[in-house]
Amino acid sequence: MTVSLYVIGTEITRGIISDRHIPFLSSNLTELGYTIRRGVVVPDDGSIEAELEVCTADSDVVLVTGGLGPTADDLTRRIIAREAGVELVKNQEAWDTLYKRVGQRIYGANEQQAYIPRGFEILPNPHGTAPGFRGSIEKKLADGSVHSVTVIAMPGPPAELQPMFLNHVRPYLARLAGHVDRQRDEYSVYLIAEAKLDELCRQCADGLENISWGTRFQMFRISLYIQGGSPSERSLFISRLRSLTGEGLVEDADDTDACTLLTDHLLENNLTVCTAESCTAGLVAKMLTDRSGSSAWFWGGAVTYANNAKEKLTGVSSQTLAQYGAVSSQTACEMANGIRSVSGADLGLSLTGIAGPDGGSEDKPVGTVWIGLSSAKAPTAAVRLHFASISRDSARRRFAIASLILCRLYSQGKDVVSIADSWKYI
């Protein structure tokens, strides 16, 4: 069976960003036995219409990504409906899902995202506002015969397209081709660079010839897919990977961030947490409250950037600051204990470090962070981590993710100092 791939995006055709969809889709489709007839990038100007005229006559499947947003240049759904000879109709499931997400803002530009070509089936998109859809177009050929082509439209952002393809489109195309798709296990990986993760996977695959893997980079994690082989071989692969990365950096659930793992744990155990942040400037508190109902697990927090703020708001002693400095285990511990004492929360979490690009020293280089953890049920702990300095934003994100992971493990009674010492590839 033949496939044509179309990526819609003016930012790609102008060279502002690079396309990652065609390699991703092509490799997956090749594994299923499909032949890729073409892979084309077109701008957001309706060019896809002329392309569909051609490819629907010579392909069995057409995949289109992009152009499903709420703006005037998002033309994909209208063009596919025209090519299919049907009208756009409101899909109630898509409407209800979108309304839950955006509320009254659905009336206006967002409204069009709930409309799909008549007779097509929606593909859910839990990571964005635009559902995908799939259906058939009957194409009359020059010889008078009728050719049926499957057309599938997916959103353009990689964080939306890739899970939609892997969870809904790939299984469907496997069945369509009469192919038994290989079993796949999915994981979330934290703090490890994508290139380094691939290198570690190569080590883990030694002697496991039928195992393959793929990754999907996201803001706060990497989704890792292990496929092929037997369940025991895939289990051996992931066991090897965990032994290399250290505890807490590879979790079973795909598309699950470190904050969700922590808040789920807090909810299940009826626990609360409070924060005292210096270098992350409230990022941890922001992440803990991104999920609705956060008052059930988050008491609140303090951003104590200046030393004077650390003293007044979290009770850090001036002697500690003078003797050890703001970026130290002693300060991190006093911050965590102090904010927990003020709040009465079950757990106190603190961060103090150097996000850069300035402010580092030989003893405390840029990328250094101390994470303090306090509880009435366990000794106060402080963990020192050092991340390679890429940017200020990157450092802050990695500090925050590390603190969320360690807070959950600390609450579970784990030795977080030893665990952090095992993190060799962060």
Protein backbone atom coordinates (compact mmCIF):
# COMPACT_ATOMS: atom_id res chain seq x y z
CA MET A 1 0.00 0.00 0.00
CA THR A 2 1.21 3.49 -0.83
CA VAL A 3 1.17 6.61 1.34
CA SER A 4 1.55 10.32 0.61
CA LEU A 5 2.61 12.58 3.48
CA TYR A 6 1.91 16.30 3.64
CA VAL A 7 3.17 18.69 6.28
CA ILE A 8 1.50 22.11 6.27
CA GLY A 9 3.49 24.96 7.77
CA THR A 10 4.79 28.25 6.42
CA GLU A 11 7.38 28.39 9.22
CA ILE A 12 8.86 25.19 7.78
CA THR A 13 8.79 26.28 4.12
CA ARG A 14 10.51 29.55 5.12
CA GLY A 15 13.23 27.70 7.02
CA ILE A 16 12.30 29.13 10.41
CA ILE A 17 11.91 25.66 11.91
CA SER A 18 12.83 22.20 10.64
CA ASP A 19 10.35 19.47 9.78
CA ARG A 20 10.44 16.41 12.01
CA HIS A 21 7.13 14.91 10.94
CA ILE A 22 8.10 13.26 7.66
CA PRO A 23 11.02 11.25 9.14
CA PHE A 24 8.90 10.26 12.13
CA LEU A 25 5.89 9.19 10.05
CA SER A 26 7.95 7.55 7.30
CA SER A 27 9.89 5.32 9.68
CA ASN A 28 6.71 4.17 11.41
CA LEU A 29 4.88 3.51 8.14
CA THR A 30 7.83 1.63 6.66
CA GLU A 31 7.76 -0.68 9.67
CA LEU A 32 4.13 -1.46 8.80
CA GLY A 33 5.03 -2.35 5.23
CA TYR A 34 3.78 0.81 3.53
CA THR A 35 5.56 2.37 0.57
CA ILE A 36 6.07 6.13 0.89
CA ARG A 37 5.20 7.70 -2.45
CA ARG A 38 6.00 11.26 -1.44
CA GLY A 39 6.67 13.47 1.55
CA VAL A 40 5.92 17.15 0.90
CA VAL A 41 6.00 20.35 2.96
CA VAL A 42 3.55 23.05 1.85
CA PRO A 43 2.78 26.53 3.24
CA ASP A 44 -0.43 27.63 4.98
CA ASP A 45 -1.88 29.14 1.81
CA GLY A 46 -4.20 26.45 0.49
CA SER A 47 -1.49 24.76 -1.62
CA ILE A 48 -2.56 21.44 -0.13
CA GLU A 49 -5.69 21.50 -2.31
CA ALA A 50 -3.76 21.04 -5.57
CA GLU A 51 -1.58 18.42 -3.92
CA LEU A 52 -4.62 16.41 -2.82
CA GLU A 53 -5.90 16.39 -6.40
CA VAL A 54 -2.75 14.52 -7.41
CA CYS A 55 -2.12 12.20 -4.49
CA THR A 56 -5.67 10.94 -4.02
CA ALA A 57 -5.40 9.40 -7.49
CA ASP A 58 -2.20 7.41 -6.87
CA SER A 59 -2.06 6.70 -3.11
CA ASP A 60 -3.96 4.35 -0.83
CA VAL A 61 -3.46 6.54 2.24
CA VAL A 62 -2.88 10.29 2.61
CA LEU A 63 -1.66 11.77 5.88
CA VAL A 64 -1.95 15.54 6.37
CA THR A 65 -0.51 17.37 9.38
CA GLY A 66 -1.22 20.95 10.33
CA GLY A 67 -3.82 23.51 9.36
CA LEU A 68 -6.37 22.45 12.00
CA GLY A 69 -6.11 25.52 14.22
CA PRO A 70 -8.64 28.34 14.76
CA THR A 71 -7.07 31.00 12.49
CA ALA A 72 -8.01 32.09 8.98
CA ASP A 73 -5.10 30.25 7.36
CA ASP A 74 -6.07 26.90 8.91
CA LEU A 75 -7.72 25.51 5.79
CA THR A 76 -7.15 21.74 6.05
CA ARG A 77 -10.63 20.68 7.15
CA ARG A 78 -12.37 22.78 4.48
CA ILE A 79 -10.09 21.58 1.69
CA ILE A 80 -10.46 17.90 2.62
CA ALA A 81 -14.25 18.31 2.83
CA ARG A 82 -14.26 19.87 -0.65
CA GLU A 83 -12.10 17.08 -2.03
CA ALA A 84 -14.45 14.51 -0.51
CA GLY A 85 -17.48 16.32 -1.89
CA VAL A 86 -19.09 16.70 1.54
CA GLU A 87 -19.92 19.57 3.88
CA LEU A 88 -18.33 20.38 7.21
CA VAL A 89 -20.55 19.42 10.15
CA LYS A 90 -20.29 20.02 13.87
CA ASN A 91 -19.08 16.92 15.69
CA GLN A 92 -20.77 16.88 19.10
CA GLU A 93 -17.99 14.94 20.81
CA ALA A 94 -15.38 17.37 19.52
CA TRP A 95 -17.58 20.33 20.53
CA ASP A 96 -18.14 19.05 24.07
CA THR A 97 -14.45 18.30 24.57
CA LEU A 98 -13.42 21.72 23.28
CA TYR A 99 -16.04 23.50 25.37
CA LYS A 100 -14.69 21.84 28.52
CA ARG A 101 -11.26 23.11 27.61
CA VAL A 102 -11.92 26.71 26.50
CA GLY A 103 -15.41 27.49 27.80
CA GLN A 104 -17.21 30.45 26.24
CA ARG A 105 -14.16 31.23 24.11
CA ILE A 106 -15.37 28.42 21.84
CA TYR A 107 -17.82 30.88 20.27
CA GLY A 108 -15.77 32.57 17.59
CA ALA A 109 -12.62 31.38 15.89
CA ASN A 110 -12.28 28.26 18.06
CA GLU A 111 -15.69 27.02 16.95
CA GLN A 112 -14.40 25.80 13.59
CA GLN A 113 -12.16 23.26 15.34
CA ALA A 114 -15.25 21.20 16.23
CA TYR A 115 -16.27 20.87 12.59
CA ILE A 116 -15.11 17.94 10.43
CA PRO A 117 -16.07 16.60 7.00
CA ARG A 118 -19.36 14.72 7.03
CA GLY A 119 -18.84 10.96 7.32
CA PHE A 120 -15.35 11.30 8.83
CA GLU A 121 -14.42 10.04 12.31
CA ILE A 122 -12.65 12.22 14.88
CA LEU A 123 -9.32 11.33 16.46
CA PRO A 124 -9.10 12.56 20.08
CA ASN A 125 -6.41 15.05 20.98
CA PRO A 126 -5.94 15.29 24.77
CA HIS A 127 -2.87 17.49 24.27
CA GLY A 128 -4.47 20.29 22.25
CA THR A 129 -7.71 21.89 21.11
CA ALA A 130 -7.92 20.49 17.56
CA PRO A 131 -9.03 16.87 17.10
CA GLY A 132 -7.78 14.95 14.11
CA PHE A 133 -10.08 13.05 11.78
CA ARG A 134 -10.05 10.24 9.25
CA GLY A 135 -12.29 9.07 6.44
CA SER A 136 -12.41 8.02 2.80
CA ILE A 137 -12.46 9.96 -0.46
CA GLU A 138 -13.82 8.28 -3.58
CA LYS A 139 -11.75 9.35 -6.57
CA LYS A 140 -12.92 8.71 -10.14
CA LEU A 141 -9.91 7.87 -12.30
CA ALA A 142 -9.34 8.56 -15.99
CA ASP A 143 -10.29 5.02 -16.98
CA GLY A 144 -13.66 5.39 -15.30
CA SER A 145 -12.83 3.28 -12.26
CA VAL A 146 -13.30 4.53 -8.70
CA HIS A 147 -10.35 4.60 -6.32
CA SER A 148 -10.95 4.85 -2.57
CA VAL A 149 -8.24 6.60 -0.56
CA THR A 150 -8.03 6.89 3.22
CA VAL A 151 -7.33 10.47 4.31
CA ILE A 152 -6.15 11.22 7.85
CA ALA A 153 -5.66 14.75 9.20
CA MET A 154 -3.64 15.41 12.36
CA PRO A 155 -2.57 18.59 14.19
CA GLY A 156 0.83 20.10 13.48
CA PRO A 157 2.51 20.53 16.91
CA PRO A 158 4.73 17.48 17.57
CA ALA A 159 3.44 17.13 21.14
CA GLU A 160 -0.06 16.65 19.69
CA LEU A 161 0.69 14.79 16.48
CA GLN A 162 3.01 12.10 17.78
CA PRO A 163 0.77 10.69 20.54
CA MET A 164 -2.24 10.87 18.20
CA PHE A 165 -0.37 8.96 15.52
CA LEU A 166 1.05 6.33 17.87
CA ASN A 167 -2.14 5.78 19.87
CA HIS A 168 -4.79 6.04 17.15
CA VAL A 169 -3.42 6.25 13.62
CA ARG A 170 -0.65 3.66 13.62
CA PRO A 171 -2.85 0.85 15.05
CA TYR A 172 -5.54 1.69 12.49
CA LEU A 173 -3.06 1.65 9.59
CA ALA A 174 -1.60 -1.63 10.82
CA ARG A 175 -5.04 -3.23 10.63
CA LEU A 176 -5.72 -1.58 7.27
CA ALA A 177 -2.59 -3.16 5.82
CA GLY A 178 -3.35 -6.55 7.37
CA HIS A 179 -0.24 -6.17 9.49
CA VAL A 180 0.15 -7.38 13.06
CA ASP A 181 1.74 -4.38 14.72
CA ARG A 182 4.63 -4.98 17.03
CA GLN A 183 3.93 -4.68 20.73
CA ARG A 184 5.14 -1.44 22.24
CA ASP A 185 5.83 -0.30 25.81
CA GLU A 186 5.83 3.40 26.67
CA TYR A 187 7.80 5.30 29.30
CA SER A 188 8.53 8.85 30.43
CA VAL A 189 12.16 9.83 30.93
CA TYR A 190 13.27 12.90 32.90
CA LEU A 191 16.39 15.12 33.01
CA ILE A 192 18.38 13.14 30.40
CA ALA A 193 19.21 14.74 27.05
CA GLU A 194 17.60 13.06 24.03
CA ALA A 195 20.95 12.30 22.38
CA LYS A 196 22.29 10.79 25.61
CA LEU A 197 19.14 8.72 26.04
CA ASP A 198 19.57 7.29 22.55
CA GLU A 199 23.17 6.40 23.38
CA LEU A 200 22.07 4.61 26.55
CA CYS A 201 19.35 2.76 24.62
CA ARG A 202 21.99 1.45 22.22
CA GLN A 203 23.86 0.01 25.16
CA CYS A 204 20.70 -1.56 26.56
CA ALA A 205 19.85 -3.19 23.21
CA ASP A 206 23.06 -5.21 23.14
CA GLY A 207 22.09 -8.81 22.35
CA LEU A 208 18.41 -7.88 21.84
CA GLU A 209 18.27 -7.85 18.05
CA ASN A 210 14.50 -7.50 17.72
CA ILE A 211 14.18 -4.49 19.99
CA SER A 212 13.85 -0.97 18.60
CA TRP A 213 13.01 2.33 20.26
CA GLY A 214 11.91 5.84 19.53
CA THR A 215 11.76 9.10 21.45
CA ARG A 216 9.57 12.18 21.48
CA PHE A 217 11.03 15.30 23.10
CA GLN A 218 8.73 17.45 25.23
CA MET A 219 9.24 20.45 27.49
CA PHE A 220 9.47 18.56 30.78
CA ARG A 221 10.17 14.97 29.68
CA ILE A 222 10.99 12.62 26.84
CA SER A 223 8.50 9.96 25.82
CA LEU A 224 10.32 6.68 25.11
CA TYR A 225 8.77 3.86 23.06
CA ILE A 226 10.24 0.35 23.23
CA GLN A 227 8.89 -2.03 20.61
CA GLY A 228 9.49 -5.47 19.15
CA GLY A 229 10.92 -8.56 20.80
CA SER A 230 9.17 -10.47 23.55
CA PRO A 231 7.77 -8.97 26.77
CA SER A 232 10.74 -10.42 28.68
CA GLU A 233 13.20 -8.84 26.23
CA ARG A 234 11.54 -5.44 26.53
CA SER A 235 11.54 -5.83 30.31
CA LEU A 236 15.26 -6.63 30.26
CA PHE A 237 15.88 -3.57 28.08
CA ILE A 238 14.12 -1.17 30.44
CA SER A 239 15.73 -2.81 33.49
CA ARG A 240 19.14 -2.17 31.95
CA LEU A 241 18.18 1.43 31.21
CA ARG A 242 17.03 2.07 34.76
CA SER A 243 20.27 0.66 36.13
CA LEU A 244 22.15 3.16 33.98
CA THR A 245 20.01 6.23 34.66
CA GLY A 246 19.32 5.77 38.36
CA GLU A 247 16.02 5.60 40.24
CA GLY A 248 13.18 7.97 39.42
CA LEU A 249 14.26 9.03 35.94
CA VAL A 250 12.39 6.37 33.92
CA GLU A 251 8.71 5.89 34.77
CA ASP A 252 6.22 3.44 33.29
CA ALA A 253 3.58 5.93 32.15
CA ASP A 254 4.06 7.67 28.81
CA ASP A 255 3.08 11.36 28.67
CA THR A 256 3.19 11.67 32.45
CA ASP A 257 5.27 14.51 33.83
CA ALA A 258 7.13 14.53 37.13
CA CYS A 259 4.68 17.00 38.65
CA THR A 260 1.69 14.74 37.96
CA LEU A 261 3.48 11.79 39.56
CA LEU A 262 4.08 13.88 42.68
CA THR A 263 0.58 15.34 42.91
CA ASP A 264 -0.99 11.92 42.34
CA HIS A 265 1.12 10.61 45.23
CA LEU A 266 0.11 13.52 47.46
CA LEU A 267 -3.57 13.03 46.67
CA GLU A 268 -3.47 9.28 47.26
CA ASN A 269 -1.80 9.77 50.64
CA ASN A 270 -3.69 12.91 51.70
CA LEU A 271 -0.49 14.95 51.95
CA THR A 272 0.30 18.62 51.37
CA VAL A 273 3.46 20.37 50.24
CA CYS A 274 4.78 23.92 50.49
CA THR A 275 7.69 25.53 48.67
CA ALA A 276 10.46 28.04 49.23
CA GLU A 277 12.17 28.95 45.96
CA SER A 278 15.13 31.10 45.17
CA CYS A 279 16.68 30.25 41.79
CA THR A 280 13.45 28.92 40.26
CA ALA A 281 11.51 32.06 41.18
CA GLY A 282 8.17 30.31 41.71
CA LEU A 283 8.34 27.84 38.80
CA VAL A 284 7.80 24.84 41.08
CA ALA A 285 4.75 26.49 42.66
CA LYS A 286 3.45 27.28 39.19
CA MET A 287 3.84 23.65 38.08
CA LEU A 288 2.16 22.37 41.24
CA THR A 289 -0.86 24.58 40.56
CA ASP A 290 -1.23 24.02 36.80
CA ARG A 291 -3.56 21.13 37.58
CA SER A 292 -7.04 22.01 38.78
CA GLY A 293 -7.88 21.30 42.40
CA SER A 294 -4.31 22.07 43.47
CA SER A 295 -5.37 23.46 46.86
CA ALA A 296 -5.86 19.83 47.91
CA TRP A 297 -2.09 19.25 47.85
CA PHE A 298 -0.40 22.67 47.67
CA TRP A 299 -0.45 24.97 50.67
CA GLY A 300 1.47 27.77 49.02
CA GLY A 301 5.00 29.00 48.71
CA ALA A 302 7.48 31.84 49.00
CA VAL A 303 9.89 33.20 46.41
CA THR A 304 12.89 34.18 48.52
CA TYR A 305 15.40 35.55 46.06
CA ALA A 306 17.27 37.98 48.29
CA ASN A 307 19.06 36.78 51.40
CA ASN A 308 16.90 39.13 53.45
CA ALA A 309 13.79 37.39 52.08
CA LYS A 310 15.22 34.02 53.06
CA GLU A 311 15.67 35.29 56.60
CA LYS A 312 12.29 37.02 56.96
CA LEU A 313 10.04 34.53 55.15
CA THR A 314 11.64 31.17 55.87
CA GLY A 315 13.69 31.82 58.99
CA VAL A 316 17.15 31.18 57.54
CA SER A 317 19.65 32.57 60.05
CA SER A 318 22.00 35.35 59.06
CA GLN A 319 24.86 33.29 60.53
CA THR A 320 24.09 30.42 58.14
CA LEU A 321 24.07 32.77 55.17
CA ALA A 322 27.31 34.44 56.26
CA GLN A 323 29.15 31.19 56.94
CA TYR A 324 27.85 28.90 54.15
CA GLY A 325 26.25 31.20 51.60
CA ALA A 326 22.81 31.20 50.02
CA VAL A 327 23.62 28.23 47.78
CA SER A 328 24.39 25.57 50.37
CA SER A 329 22.92 22.51 52.02
CA GLN A 330 22.50 24.42 55.29
CA THR A 331 20.48 27.19 53.66
CA ALA A 332 18.37 24.72 51.65
CA CYS A 333 17.53 22.78 54.82
CA GLU A 334 16.61 25.88 56.81
CA MET A 335 14.43 27.13 53.93
CA ALA A 336 12.57 23.81 53.74
CA ASN A 337 12.14 23.57 57.52
CA GLY A 338 11.14 27.21 57.79
CA ILE A 339 8.42 27.18 55.16
CA ARG A 340 7.02 23.93 56.54
CA SER A 341 6.95 25.40 60.04
CA VAL A 342 5.05 28.46 58.80
CA SER A 343 2.59 26.46 56.71
CA GLY A 344 1.97 23.33 58.73
CA ALA A 345 2.16 21.35 55.48
CA ASP A 346 3.33 17.73 55.52
CA LEU A 347 6.29 18.40 53.23
CA GLY A 348 8.59 21.36 52.76
CA LEU A 349 10.50 21.73 49.48
CA SER A 350 13.17 24.33 48.86
CA LEU A 351 15.52 25.25 46.01
CA THR A 352 18.51 27.54 46.01
CA GLY A 353 21.03 27.61 43.21
CA ILE A 354 22.70 29.38 40.32
CA ALA A 355 20.70 29.42 37.09
CA GLY A 356 23.19 31.60 35.25
CA PRO A 357 24.48 32.77 32.96
CA ASP A 358 26.38 34.77 35.60
CA GLY A 359 26.98 34.29 39.30
CA GLY A 360 28.91 31.04 39.30
CA SER A 361 32.22 30.30 40.99
CA GLU A 362 34.76 27.48 41.01
CA ASP A 363 33.07 25.87 44.02
CA LYS A 364 29.53 26.67 42.88
CA PRO A 365 29.44 26.78 39.08
CA VAL A 366 26.42 27.85 37.04
CA GLY A 367 23.97 24.95 36.96
CA THR A 368 24.41 24.11 40.68
CA VAL A 369 21.31 23.69 42.82
CA TRP A 370 20.65 22.58 46.39
CA ILE A 371 17.24 21.03 46.99
CA GLY A 372 16.00 20.88 50.58
CA LEU A 373 13.33 18.46 51.80
CA SER A 374 11.57 18.62 55.16
CA SER A 375 9.02 16.38 56.87
CA ALA A 376 7.91 15.66 60.42
CA LYS A 377 8.26 11.94 59.63
CA ALA A 378 11.81 11.91 58.24
CA PRO A 379 15.12 13.67 58.79
CA THR A 380 15.58 16.83 56.76
CA ALA A 381 17.63 16.16 53.62
CA ALA A 382 19.53 18.31 51.17
CA VAL A 383 20.63 17.19 47.71
CA ARG A 384 23.21 18.91 45.54
CA LEU A 385 22.89 18.57 41.77
CA HIS A 386 24.79 20.09 38.92
CA PHE A 387 23.38 20.42 35.42
CA ALA A 388 25.27 21.38 32.29
CA SER A 389 24.49 25.04 31.63
CA ILE A 390 22.53 25.50 28.40
CA SER A 391 20.43 28.53 29.28
CA ARG A 392 18.85 30.18 32.28
CA ASP A 393 15.40 28.86 31.36
CA SER A 394 16.73 25.33 30.80
CA ALA A 395 18.52 25.34 34.15
CA ARG A 396 15.40 26.47 35.98
CA ARG A 397 13.24 23.83 34.31
CA ARG A 398 15.68 21.07 35.18
CA PHE A 399 16.03 22.29 38.77
CA ALA A 400 12.24 22.24 39.10
CA ILE A 401 11.78 18.78 37.58
CA ALA A 402 14.53 17.32 39.77
CA SER A 403 12.95 18.80 42.89
CA LEU A 404 9.54 17.30 42.05
CA ILE A 405 11.04 13.86 41.49
CA LEU A 406 13.05 14.00 44.70
CA CYS A 407 10.10 15.29 46.72
CA ARG A 408 8.01 12.25 45.73
CA LEU A 409 10.83 9.80 46.49
CA TYR A 410 11.56 11.53 49.82
CA SER A 411 7.88 11.31 50.77
CA GLN A 412 8.03 7.58 49.99
CA GLY A 413 10.83 7.18 52.52
CA LYS A 414 13.63 6.79 49.97
CA ASP A 415 17.26 7.84 50.50
CA VAL A 416 17.21 10.79 48.12
CA VAL A 417 20.88 11.65 48.61
CA SER A 418 21.98 8.22 47.39
CA ILE A 419 19.45 8.29 44.57
CA ALA A 420 20.68 11.67 43.34
CA ASP A 421 24.28 10.42 43.50
CA SER A 422 23.28 7.68 41.02
CA TRP A 423 22.08 10.21 38.44
CA LYS A 424 25.18 10.20 36.26
CA TYR A 425 23.72 11.39 32.98
CA ILE A 426 21.65 14.46 33.92
